Amino acid sequence: MLGLVVLGGGLAGDADPLSMTTYSSVSFQLDLAQLSFTGQLVVGLLDPAFDGAGFDSLEFQILREGISAVSASFLSVASALAYFDDQVLDLGGIADGVSGSLDLTFLWTLTSDDPGAGFRANLIFANAPEPWLGVLLGVAALALAVRKRARPM
């Protein structure tokens, strides 16, 4: 794991019932020379939660080297809950297109007109082994399971 991010926004319970927009952002600069291996940059989306009515609209974006790698818009709490619930986003090779440090920015824009409304989610980003290594490990585990099953007791 390289980092943990909590993004969210909302309105105070005593806010005027006017449409308001809240912004959250987190930026990282990662020195890739400090990594023991370079694999895939993955972002895990975890544990979304909402308060009150949630929101009227939600925009989520991940910038990689200043370029949009992920951009998602939501007009309902149900669609945002489904998207942010235990999903993994593969952003490609961690060193792809990087000169110097890897720049990552997570952006969150929430609009609501309901006092007490809000939405938040956790994100974990990591340097994962190349996909073929995962396949190789899966095949090895399957072979061991078949071999163990084939042995007489």
N, C-alpha and C. Protein backbone atom coordinates (compact mmCIF):
# COMPACT_ATOMS: atom_id res chain seq x y z
N MET A 1 0.85 -1.17 0.00
CA MET A 1 0.00 0.00 0.00
C MET A 1 0.89 1.23 0.00
N LEU A 2 0.51 2.21 -0.81
CA LEU A 2 1.25 3.45 -0.87
C LEU A 2 0.55 4.57 -0.12
N GLY A 3 -0.78 4.53 -0.06
CA GLY A 3 -1.49 5.60 0.62
C GLY A 3 -2.95 5.30 0.85
N LEU A 4 -3.52 6.02 1.79
CA LEU A 4 -4.94 5.93 2.13
C LEU A 4 -5.53 7.33 2.02
N VAL A 5 -6.67 7.43 1.39
CA VAL A 5 -7.34 8.71 1.19
C VAL A 5 -8.78 8.58 1.65
N VAL A 6 -9.26 9.57 2.36
CA VAL A 6 -10.68 9.66 2.69
C VAL A 6 -11.19 10.94 2.06
N LEU A 7 -12.15 10.80 1.14
CA LEU A 7 -12.75 11.96 0.47
C LEU A 7 -14.21 12.04 0.84
N GLY A 8 -14.70 13.25 0.99
CA GLY A 8 -16.10 13.42 1.31
C GLY A 8 -16.49 14.88 1.28
N GLY A 9 -17.77 15.09 1.40
CA GLY A 9 -18.29 16.44 1.44
C GLY A 9 -19.72 16.40 1.91
N GLY A 10 -20.21 17.54 2.34
CA GLY A 10 -21.59 17.60 2.78
C GLY A 10 -21.92 18.96 3.36
N LEU A 11 -23.16 19.08 3.79
CA LEU A 11 -23.65 20.32 4.37
C LEU A 11 -23.92 20.13 5.86
N ALA A 12 -23.68 21.16 6.61
CA ALA A 12 -23.99 21.12 8.05
C ALA A 12 -25.49 20.99 8.23
N GLY A 13 -25.88 20.40 9.35
CA GLY A 13 -27.30 20.20 9.63
C GLY A 13 -28.07 21.50 9.76
N ASP A 14 -27.39 22.59 10.11
CA ASP A 14 -28.08 23.87 10.25
C ASP A 14 -27.83 24.80 9.06
N ALA A 15 -27.35 24.25 7.94
CA ALA A 15 -27.08 25.06 6.74
C ALA A 15 -28.38 25.54 6.11
N ASP A 16 -28.30 26.67 5.43
CA ASP A 16 -29.45 27.15 4.67
C ASP A 16 -29.74 26.15 3.56
N PRO A 17 -31.01 25.89 3.27
CA PRO A 17 -31.34 24.90 2.24
C PRO A 17 -31.16 25.46 0.83
N LEU A 18 -30.00 26.01 0.56
CA LEU A 18 -29.64 26.47 -0.77
C LEU A 18 -28.63 25.48 -1.34
N SER A 19 -28.57 25.38 -2.63
CA SER A 19 -27.61 24.48 -3.25
C SER A 19 -26.19 24.98 -2.95
N MET A 20 -25.41 24.10 -2.35
CA MET A 20 -24.02 24.42 -2.04
C MET A 20 -23.12 23.33 -2.59
N THR A 21 -21.91 23.72 -2.94
CA THR A 21 -20.93 22.78 -3.47
C THR A 21 -19.73 22.74 -2.53
N THR A 22 -19.31 21.52 -2.19
CA THR A 22 -18.10 21.34 -1.39
C THR A 22 -17.06 20.63 -2.24
N TYR A 23 -15.80 20.94 -1.96
CA TYR A 23 -14.69 20.38 -2.72
C TYR A 23 -13.71 19.71 -1.76
N SER A 24 -13.20 18.57 -2.16
CA SER A 24 -12.13 17.89 -1.43
C SER A 24 -11.07 17.49 -2.45
N SER A 25 -9.82 17.61 -2.05
CA SER A 25 -8.75 17.13 -2.92
C SER A 25 -7.55 16.73 -2.07
N VAL A 26 -6.84 15.74 -2.57
CA VAL A 26 -5.62 15.26 -1.94
C VAL A 26 -4.61 15.00 -3.06
N SER A 27 -3.38 15.47 -2.86
CA SER A 27 -2.33 15.27 -3.87
C SER A 27 -1.14 14.56 -3.25
N PHE A 28 -0.50 13.74 -4.07
CA PHE A 28 0.69 13.00 -3.65
C PHE A 28 1.76 13.12 -4.73
N GLN A 29 3.01 13.14 -4.30
CA GLN A 29 4.17 13.00 -5.19
C GLN A 29 4.95 11.80 -4.68
N LEU A 30 5.05 10.78 -5.51
CA LEU A 30 5.70 9.53 -5.09
C LEU A 30 7.01 9.33 -5.84
N ASP A 31 8.08 9.12 -5.09
CA ASP A 31 9.39 8.84 -5.66
C ASP A 31 9.44 7.35 -6.01
N LEU A 32 9.30 7.04 -7.29
CA LEU A 32 9.24 5.65 -7.72
C LEU A 32 10.57 4.92 -7.51
N ALA A 33 11.67 5.64 -7.36
CA ALA A 33 12.96 5.01 -7.12
C ALA A 33 12.98 4.33 -5.75
N GLN A 34 12.06 4.68 -4.87
CA GLN A 34 12.01 4.09 -3.54
C GLN A 34 11.24 2.77 -3.50
N LEU A 35 10.60 2.39 -4.61
CA LEU A 35 9.83 1.15 -4.65
C LEU A 35 10.74 -0.04 -4.94
N SER A 36 10.42 -1.18 -4.32
CA SER A 36 11.23 -2.37 -4.54
C SER A 36 10.90 -3.03 -5.89
N PHE A 37 9.73 -2.78 -6.42
CA PHE A 37 9.36 -3.27 -7.75
C PHE A 37 8.36 -2.29 -8.34
N THR A 38 8.23 -2.32 -9.64
CA THR A 38 7.23 -1.47 -10.29
C THR A 38 6.22 -2.36 -10.98
N GLY A 39 5.00 -2.29 -10.54
CA GLY A 39 3.91 -3.07 -11.10
C GLY A 39 2.80 -2.15 -11.57
N GLN A 40 1.59 -2.53 -11.27
CA GLN A 40 0.42 -1.76 -11.65
C GLN A 40 0.04 -0.78 -10.53
N LEU A 41 -0.41 0.39 -10.91
CA LEU A 41 -0.97 1.34 -9.95
C LEU A 41 -2.45 1.03 -9.84
N VAL A 42 -2.89 0.61 -8.66
CA VAL A 42 -4.29 0.28 -8.45
C VAL A 42 -4.85 1.14 -7.33
N VAL A 43 -6.14 1.44 -7.44
CA VAL A 43 -6.85 2.21 -6.43
C VAL A 43 -8.05 1.38 -5.99
N GLY A 44 -8.11 1.07 -4.70
CA GLY A 44 -9.24 0.34 -4.14
C GLY A 44 -10.24 1.32 -3.55
N LEU A 45 -11.50 1.15 -3.91
CA LEU A 45 -12.58 2.00 -3.41
C LEU A 45 -13.32 1.23 -2.32
N LEU A 46 -13.44 1.82 -1.14
CA LEU A 46 -13.96 1.09 0.02
C LEU A 46 -14.94 1.91 0.83
N ASP A 47 -15.87 1.22 1.44
CA ASP A 47 -16.72 1.73 2.52
C ASP A 47 -17.38 3.07 2.26
N PRO A 48 -18.16 3.20 1.20
CA PRO A 48 -18.87 4.47 1.01
C PRO A 48 -19.97 4.62 2.06
N ALA A 49 -20.27 5.85 2.42
CA ALA A 49 -21.32 6.12 3.39
C ALA A 49 -21.95 7.47 3.07
N PHE A 50 -23.22 7.61 3.45
CA PHE A 50 -23.89 8.88 3.21
C PHE A 50 -24.68 9.29 4.44
N ASP A 51 -24.98 10.58 4.51
CA ASP A 51 -25.80 11.15 5.56
C ASP A 51 -26.97 11.86 4.91
N GLY A 52 -28.11 11.84 5.57
CA GLY A 52 -29.28 12.54 5.05
C GLY A 52 -29.63 12.08 3.65
N ALA A 53 -29.90 13.03 2.78
CA ALA A 53 -30.26 12.72 1.40
C ALA A 53 -29.05 12.41 0.53
N GLY A 54 -27.84 12.60 1.08
CA GLY A 54 -26.63 12.29 0.31
C GLY A 54 -26.12 13.45 -0.51
N PHE A 55 -26.68 13.67 -1.68
CA PHE A 55 -26.23 14.74 -2.56
C PHE A 55 -27.19 14.88 -3.72
N ASP A 56 -27.03 15.99 -4.45
CA ASP A 56 -27.72 16.17 -5.73
C ASP A 56 -26.83 15.73 -6.88
N SER A 57 -25.52 15.99 -6.75
CA SER A 57 -24.56 15.52 -7.74
C SER A 57 -23.20 15.32 -7.08
N LEU A 58 -22.43 14.38 -7.63
CA LEU A 58 -21.10 14.08 -7.12
C LEU A 58 -20.20 13.85 -8.31
N GLU A 59 -19.04 14.49 -8.29
CA GLU A 59 -18.02 14.30 -9.32
C GLU A 59 -16.77 13.76 -8.64
N PHE A 60 -16.20 12.69 -9.21
CA PHE A 60 -14.98 12.08 -8.68
C PHE A 60 -13.98 11.98 -9.82
N GLN A 61 -12.73 12.37 -9.52
CA GLN A 61 -11.72 12.33 -10.56
C GLN A 61 -10.37 11.99 -9.95
N ILE A 62 -9.57 11.22 -10.70
CA ILE A 62 -8.19 10.96 -10.34
C ILE A 62 -7.33 11.49 -11.47
N LEU A 63 -6.40 12.38 -11.12
CA LEU A 63 -5.43 12.90 -12.09
C LEU A 63 -4.11 12.19 -11.88
N ARG A 64 -3.53 11.71 -12.96
CA ARG A 64 -2.22 11.06 -12.92
C ARG A 64 -1.32 11.87 -13.83
N GLU A 65 -0.28 12.45 -13.25
CA GLU A 65 0.60 13.33 -14.01
C GLU A 65 -0.18 14.49 -14.64
N GLY A 66 -1.21 14.97 -13.93
CA GLY A 66 -2.00 16.10 -14.40
C GLY A 66 -3.05 15.75 -15.46
N ILE A 67 -3.15 14.48 -15.82
CA ILE A 67 -4.09 14.04 -16.85
C ILE A 67 -5.16 13.16 -16.18
N SER A 68 -6.40 13.36 -16.57
CA SER A 68 -7.50 12.59 -15.98
C SER A 68 -7.37 11.10 -16.31
N ALA A 69 -7.22 10.29 -15.26
CA ALA A 69 -7.15 8.83 -15.41
C ALA A 69 -8.49 8.19 -15.09
N VAL A 70 -9.27 8.83 -14.23
CA VAL A 70 -10.60 8.37 -13.84
C VAL A 70 -11.49 9.60 -13.72
N SER A 71 -12.67 9.51 -14.27
CA SER A 71 -13.65 10.59 -14.13
C SER A 71 -15.03 9.96 -14.06
N ALA A 72 -15.73 10.19 -12.95
CA ALA A 72 -17.05 9.59 -12.76
C ALA A 72 -17.99 10.64 -12.18
N SER A 73 -19.23 10.61 -12.67
CA SER A 73 -20.26 11.53 -12.20
C SER A 73 -21.45 10.73 -11.72
N PHE A 74 -22.09 11.21 -10.65
CA PHE A 74 -23.22 10.51 -10.07
C PHE A 74 -24.35 11.49 -9.77
N LEU A 75 -25.56 11.07 -10.06
CA LEU A 75 -26.74 11.87 -9.76
C LEU A 75 -27.63 11.20 -8.72
N SER A 76 -27.20 10.01 -8.26
CA SER A 76 -27.97 9.33 -7.22
C SER A 76 -27.03 8.68 -6.22
N VAL A 77 -27.48 8.62 -4.98
CA VAL A 77 -26.70 7.97 -3.93
C VAL A 77 -26.53 6.49 -4.26
N ALA A 78 -27.56 5.86 -4.77
CA ALA A 78 -27.48 4.42 -5.08
C ALA A 78 -26.37 4.12 -6.08
N SER A 79 -26.24 4.93 -7.13
CA SER A 79 -25.20 4.67 -8.13
C SER A 79 -23.81 4.91 -7.54
N ALA A 80 -23.65 5.92 -6.68
CA ALA A 80 -22.36 6.18 -6.05
C ALA A 80 -22.01 5.08 -5.05
N LEU A 81 -22.98 4.61 -4.29
CA LEU A 81 -22.73 3.51 -3.35
C LEU A 81 -22.24 2.27 -4.10
N ALA A 82 -22.87 1.95 -5.22
CA ALA A 82 -22.47 0.79 -6.01
C ALA A 82 -21.06 0.96 -6.57
N TYR A 83 -20.73 2.14 -7.04
CA TYR A 83 -19.41 2.39 -7.64
C TYR A 83 -18.29 2.32 -6.60
N PHE A 84 -18.48 2.91 -5.45
CA PHE A 84 -17.43 3.01 -4.45
C PHE A 84 -17.36 1.80 -3.51
N ASP A 85 -18.21 0.81 -3.69
CA ASP A 85 -18.24 -0.34 -2.80
C ASP A 85 -17.32 -1.45 -3.29
N ASP A 86 -16.13 -1.54 -2.71
CA ASP A 86 -15.19 -2.64 -2.96
C ASP A 86 -14.87 -2.86 -4.43
N GLN A 87 -14.50 -1.81 -5.11
CA GLN A 87 -14.09 -1.89 -6.51
C GLN A 87 -12.60 -1.56 -6.60
N VAL A 88 -11.90 -2.17 -7.54
CA VAL A 88 -10.49 -1.87 -7.78
C VAL A 88 -10.36 -1.25 -9.17
N LEU A 89 -9.70 -0.10 -9.22
CA LEU A 89 -9.43 0.58 -10.48
C LEU A 89 -7.97 0.35 -10.85
N ASP A 90 -7.71 -0.16 -12.04
CA ASP A 90 -6.35 -0.38 -12.52
C ASP A 90 -5.96 0.82 -13.37
N LEU A 91 -4.95 1.58 -12.91
CA LEU A 91 -4.53 2.78 -13.62
C LEU A 91 -3.29 2.54 -14.49
N GLY A 92 -2.97 1.27 -14.75
CA GLY A 92 -1.85 0.94 -15.62
C GLY A 92 -0.54 0.82 -14.87
N GLY A 93 0.53 0.65 -15.61
CA GLY A 93 1.85 0.53 -15.01
C GLY A 93 2.20 1.76 -14.19
N ILE A 94 2.70 1.55 -12.99
CA ILE A 94 2.93 2.67 -12.08
C ILE A 94 3.94 3.67 -12.64
N ALA A 95 4.89 3.20 -13.45
CA ALA A 95 5.92 4.09 -14.00
C ALA A 95 5.58 4.61 -15.39
N ASP A 96 4.46 4.15 -15.98
CA ASP A 96 4.10 4.55 -17.34
C ASP A 96 3.92 6.07 -17.44
N GLY A 97 4.67 6.70 -18.33
CA GLY A 97 4.53 8.13 -18.59
C GLY A 97 5.03 9.03 -17.47
N VAL A 98 5.82 8.48 -16.56
CA VAL A 98 6.30 9.26 -15.41
C VAL A 98 7.77 9.60 -15.61
N SER A 99 8.08 10.88 -15.45
CA SER A 99 9.49 11.29 -15.39
C SER A 99 9.65 12.02 -14.06
N GLY A 100 10.52 11.52 -13.24
CA GLY A 100 10.64 12.06 -11.88
C GLY A 100 9.64 11.39 -10.97
N SER A 101 9.00 12.17 -10.12
CA SER A 101 8.01 11.64 -9.18
C SER A 101 6.66 11.43 -9.87
N LEU A 102 5.92 10.43 -9.39
CA LEU A 102 4.55 10.20 -9.85
C LEU A 102 3.64 11.18 -9.12
N ASP A 103 2.92 11.99 -9.87
CA ASP A 103 1.97 12.95 -9.30
C ASP A 103 0.57 12.39 -9.39
N LEU A 104 -0.09 12.24 -8.24
CA LEU A 104 -1.47 11.76 -8.18
C LEU A 104 -2.32 12.79 -7.44
N THR A 105 -3.49 13.08 -7.99
CA THR A 105 -4.43 13.97 -7.32
C THR A 105 -5.82 13.34 -7.36
N PHE A 106 -6.47 13.32 -6.21
CA PHE A 106 -7.82 12.81 -6.07
C PHE A 106 -8.74 14.00 -5.83
N LEU A 107 -9.78 14.14 -6.67
CA LEU A 107 -10.69 15.29 -6.60
C LEU A 107 -12.11 14.83 -6.33
N TRP A 108 -12.85 15.61 -5.56
CA TRP A 108 -14.21 15.27 -5.13
C TRP A 108 -15.01 16.55 -5.10
N THR A 109 -16.12 16.59 -5.82
CA THR A 109 -17.00 17.76 -5.82
C THR A 109 -18.41 17.29 -5.56
N LEU A 110 -19.00 17.76 -4.47
CA LEU A 110 -20.33 17.33 -4.07
C LEU A 110 -21.25 18.55 -3.99
N THR A 111 -22.42 18.44 -4.60
CA THR A 111 -23.42 19.51 -4.56
C THR A 111 -24.70 18.98 -3.95
N SER A 112 -25.27 19.76 -3.02
CA SER A 112 -26.51 19.37 -2.37
C SER A 112 -27.24 20.61 -1.88
N ASP A 113 -28.55 20.48 -1.73
CA ASP A 113 -29.35 21.56 -1.14
C ASP A 113 -30.10 21.05 0.09
N ASP A 114 -29.62 19.94 0.65
CA ASP A 114 -30.26 19.33 1.82
C ASP A 114 -29.37 19.46 3.04
N PRO A 115 -29.74 20.28 4.04
CA PRO A 115 -28.95 20.38 5.26
C PRO A 115 -28.76 18.99 5.90
N GLY A 116 -27.53 18.72 6.33
CA GLY A 116 -27.21 17.44 6.93
C GLY A 116 -26.86 16.35 5.94
N ALA A 117 -26.89 16.66 4.66
CA ALA A 117 -26.59 15.66 3.63
C ALA A 117 -25.08 15.58 3.39
N GLY A 118 -24.60 14.41 3.05
CA GLY A 118 -23.18 14.24 2.73
C GLY A 118 -22.89 12.85 2.20
N PHE A 119 -21.70 12.70 1.65
CA PHE A 119 -21.26 11.42 1.10
C PHE A 119 -19.74 11.35 1.24
N ARG A 120 -19.22 10.16 1.57
CA ARG A 120 -17.78 9.97 1.72
C ARG A 120 -17.39 8.54 1.35
N ALA A 121 -16.11 8.37 1.03
CA ALA A 121 -15.58 7.05 0.69
C ALA A 121 -14.10 7.01 1.01
N ASN A 122 -13.59 5.81 1.23
CA ASN A 122 -12.16 5.57 1.46
C ASN A 122 -11.54 5.05 0.18
N LEU A 123 -10.30 5.44 -0.06
CA LEU A 123 -9.55 4.97 -1.21
C LEU A 123 -8.17 4.53 -0.73
N ILE A 124 -7.73 3.40 -1.20
CA ILE A 124 -6.38 2.93 -0.92
C ILE A 124 -5.70 2.78 -2.28
N PHE A 125 -4.48 3.33 -2.40
CA PHE A 125 -3.77 3.11 -3.65
C PHE A 125 -2.48 2.37 -3.37
N ALA A 126 -2.12 1.53 -4.34
CA ALA A 126 -1.00 0.60 -4.12
C ALA A 126 -0.27 0.32 -5.42
N ASN A 127 0.92 -0.23 -5.26
CA ASN A 127 1.74 -0.73 -6.35
C ASN A 127 1.57 -2.25 -6.33
N ALA A 128 0.78 -2.78 -7.25
CA ALA A 128 0.48 -4.21 -7.27
C ALA A 128 1.35 -4.93 -8.30
N PRO A 129 1.63 -6.21 -8.07
CA PRO A 129 2.42 -6.97 -9.04
C PRO A 129 1.77 -6.94 -10.43
N GLU A 130 2.60 -7.14 -11.42
CA GLU A 130 2.09 -7.21 -12.79
C GLU A 130 0.96 -8.24 -12.86
N PRO A 131 -0.04 -8.01 -13.71
CA PRO A 131 -1.18 -8.94 -13.78
C PRO A 131 -0.79 -10.38 -14.05
N TRP A 132 0.21 -10.63 -14.86
CA TRP A 132 0.57 -12.02 -15.15
C TRP A 132 1.09 -12.74 -13.92
N LEU A 133 1.66 -11.99 -12.95
CA LEU A 133 2.09 -12.64 -11.71
C LEU A 133 0.89 -13.14 -10.92
N GLY A 134 -0.19 -12.37 -10.92
CA GLY A 134 -1.42 -12.80 -10.24
C GLY A 134 -1.99 -14.05 -10.89
N VAL A 135 -1.98 -14.08 -12.21
CA VAL A 135 -2.47 -15.26 -12.93
C VAL A 135 -1.60 -16.46 -12.61
N LEU A 136 -0.29 -16.26 -12.61
CA LEU A 136 0.64 -17.34 -12.31
C LEU A 136 0.40 -17.89 -10.91
N LEU A 137 0.21 -17.00 -9.93
CA LEU A 137 -0.07 -17.45 -8.57
C LEU A 137 -1.40 -18.20 -8.50
N GLY A 138 -2.40 -17.75 -9.23
CA GLY A 138 -3.69 -18.42 -9.26
C GLY A 138 -3.59 -19.82 -9.85
N VAL A 139 -2.84 -19.96 -10.93
CA VAL A 139 -2.65 -21.26 -11.56
C VAL A 139 -1.89 -22.19 -10.61
N ALA A 140 -0.88 -21.66 -9.91
CA ALA A 140 -0.12 -22.48 -8.96
C ALA A 140 -1.01 -22.95 -7.82
N ALA A 141 -1.86 -22.07 -7.30
CA ALA A 141 -2.77 -22.45 -6.22
C ALA A 141 -3.76 -23.52 -6.69
N LEU A 142 -4.27 -23.37 -7.90
CA LEU A 142 -5.19 -24.35 -8.47
C LEU A 142 -4.50 -25.70 -8.64
N ALA A 143 -3.27 -25.68 -9.14
CA ALA A 143 -2.52 -26.93 -9.32
C ALA A 143 -2.29 -27.63 -7.99
N LEU A 144 -1.96 -26.88 -6.95
CA LEU A 144 -1.76 -27.48 -5.63
C LEU A 144 -3.06 -28.06 -5.09
N ALA A 145 -4.17 -27.37 -5.31
CA ALA A 145 -5.46 -27.87 -4.83
C ALA A 145 -5.84 -29.17 -5.55
N VAL A 146 -5.62 -29.22 -6.86
CA VAL A 146 -5.92 -30.42 -7.63
C VAL A 146 -5.02 -31.56 -7.18
N ARG A 147 -3.75 -31.28 -6.97
CA ARG A 147 -2.81 -32.31 -6.54
C ARG A 147 -3.20 -32.87 -5.18
N LYS A 148 -3.56 -31.98 -4.25
CA LYS A 148 -3.95 -32.42 -2.91
C LYS A 148 -5.22 -33.26 -2.98
N ARG A 149 -6.15 -32.90 -3.83
CA ARG A 149 -7.41 -33.63 -3.97
C ARG A 149 -7.18 -35.00 -4.59
N ALA A 150 -6.19 -35.10 -5.49
CA ALA A 150 -5.92 -36.36 -6.18
C ALA A 150 -5.20 -37.38 -5.30
N ARG A 151 -4.57 -36.93 -4.24
CA ARG A 151 -3.86 -37.84 -3.35
C ARG A 151 -4.84 -38.66 -2.54
N PRO A 152 -4.58 -39.98 -2.44
CA PRO A 152 -5.43 -40.82 -1.58
C PRO A 152 -5.16 -40.51 -0.11
N MET A 153 -6.18 -40.65 0.71
CA MET A 153 -6.04 -40.37 2.14
C MET A 153 -5.60 -41.59 2.87
